[in-house]
């Protein structure tokens, strides 16, 4: 019976550590997703801004 209690305590301690690790992984995934969304947004907005600057430049130059 003593071995079972020790094993039970070890498993509970291990599960608690695993939950903290899972939280860290979840936060890392959220940061990665936010970074991807920012990169996509900058890509689309950058091309739109480039087009507007080109239009303004052609109007000023021509």
C-alpha atoms as a PDB file:
ATOM      1  CA  UNK A   1       0.000   0.000   0.000  1.00  0.00           C
ATOM      2  CA  UNK A   2       2.903   2.369   0.714  1.00  0.00           C
ATOM      3  CA  UNK A   3       4.235   1.967  -2.826  1.00  0.00           C
ATOM      4  CA  UNK A   4       0.839   2.897  -4.238  1.00  0.00           C
ATOM      5  CA  UNK A   5       0.765   6.128  -2.194  1.00  0.00           C
ATOM      6  CA  UNK A   6       4.256   7.069  -3.356  1.00  0.00           C
ATOM      7  CA  UNK A   7       3.331   6.330  -6.973  1.00  0.00           C
ATOM      8  CA  UNK A   8       0.113   8.326  -6.638  1.00  0.00           C
ATOM      9  CA  UNK A   9       1.981  11.336  -5.196  1.00  0.00           C
ATOM     10  CA  UNK A  10       4.609  11.141  -7.950  1.00  0.00           C
ATOM     11  CA  UNK A  11       1.950  11.031 -10.685  1.00  0.00           C
ATOM     12  CA  UNK A  12       0.091  13.995  -9.173  1.00  0.00           C
ATOM     13  CA  UNK A  13       3.287  16.022  -8.991  1.00  0.00           C
ATOM     14  CA  UNK A  14       4.127  15.103 -12.584  1.00  0.00           C
ATOM     15  CA  UNK A  15       0.670  16.087 -13.833  1.00  0.00           C
ATOM     16  CA  UNK A  16       0.953  19.491 -12.116  1.00  0.00           C
ATOM     17  CA  UNK A  17       4.261  20.140 -13.914  1.00  0.00           C
ATOM     18  CA  UNK A  18       2.773  19.030 -17.229  1.00  0.00           C
ATOM     19  CA  UNK A  19      -0.126  21.477 -16.870  1.00  0.00           C
ATOM     20  CA  UNK A  20       2.283  24.373 -16.392  1.00  0.00           C
ATOM     21  CA  UNK A  21       4.219  23.269 -19.448  1.00  0.00           C
ATOM     22  CA  UNK A  22       1.024  23.069 -21.458  1.00  0.00           C
ATOM     23  CA  UNK A  23       0.155  26.634 -20.478  1.00  0.00           C
ATOM     24  CA  UNK A  24       3.553  27.786 -21.692  1.00  0.00           C
ATOM     25  CA  UNK A  25       3.029  26.006 -25.020  1.00  0.00           C
ATOM     26  CA  UNK A  26      -0.426  27.578 -25.372  1.00  0.00           C
ATOM     27  CA  UNK A  27       1.007  31.058 -24.791  1.00  0.00           C
ATOM     28  CA  UNK A  28       3.771  30.399 -27.303  1.00  0.00           C
ATOM     29  CA  UNK A  29       1.200  29.321 -29.893  1.00  0.00           C
ATOM     30  CA  UNK A  30      -0.845  32.459 -29.246  1.00  0.00           C
ATOM     31  CA  UNK A  31       2.215  34.660 -29.698  1.00  0.00           C
ATOM     32  CA  UNK A  32       3.074  32.843 -32.933  1.00  0.00           C
ATOM     33  CA  UNK A  33      -0.485  33.265 -34.232  1.00  0.00           C
ATOM     34  CA  UNK A  34      -0.464  36.975 -33.397  1.00  0.00           C
ATOM     35  CA  UNK A  35       2.876  37.353 -35.195  1.00  0.00           C
ATOM     36  CA  UNK A  36       1.507  35.635 -38.313  1.00  0.00           C
ATOM     37  CA  UNK A  37      -1.591  37.860 -38.307  1.00  0.00           C
ATOM     38  CA  UNK A  38       0.605  40.969 -37.963  1.00  0.00           C
ATOM     39  CA  UNK A  39       2.853  39.881 -40.832  1.00  0.00           C
ATOM     40  CA  UNK A  40      -0.133  39.209 -43.099  1.00  0.00           C
ATOM     41  CA  UNK A  41      -1.732  42.543 -42.194  1.00  0.00           C
ATOM     42  CA  UNK A  42       1.497  44.458 -42.840  1.00  0.00           C
ATOM     43  CA  UNK A  43       1.909  42.679 -46.171  1.00  0.00           C
ATOM     44  CA  UNK A  44      -1.559  43.648 -47.362  1.00  0.00           C
ATOM     45  CA  UNK A  45      -1.441  47.168 -45.950  1.00  0.00           C
ATOM     46  CA  UNK A  46       2.060  47.656 -47.291  1.00  0.00           C
ATOM     47  CA  UNK A  47       1.019  46.865 -50.849  1.00  0.00           C
ATOM     48  CA  UNK A  48      -2.035  49.146 -50.555  1.00  0.00           C
ATOM     49  CA  UNK A  49       0.120  51.957 -49.174  1.00  0.00           C
ATOM     50  CA  UNK A  50       2.653  51.444 -51.960  1.00  0.00           C
ATOM     51  CA  UNK A  51      -0.116  51.772 -54.530  1.00  0.00           C
ATOM     52  CA  UNK A  52      -1.396  55.001 -52.940  1.00  0.00           C
ATOM     53  CA  UNK A  53       2.108  56.505 -52.810  1.00  0.00           C
ATOM     54  CA  UNK A  54       2.594  55.607 -56.469  1.00  0.00           C
ATOM     55  CA  UNK A  55      -0.702  57.316 -57.388  1.00  0.00           C
ATOM     56  CA  UNK A  56       0.237  60.456 -55.451  1.00  0.00           C
ATOM     57  CA  UNK A  57       3.721  60.471 -56.984  1.00  0.00           C
ATOM     58  CA  UNK A  58       2.362  60.181 -60.507  1.00  0.00           C
ATOM     59  CA  UNK A  59      -0.138  62.997 -59.873  1.00  0.00           C
ATOM     60  CA  UNK A  60       2.579  65.275 -58.502  1.00  0.00           C
ATOM     61  CA  UNK A  61       5.039  64.401 -61.247  1.00  0.00           C
ATOM     62  CA  UNK A  62       2.632  64.524 -64.141  1.00  0.00           C
END
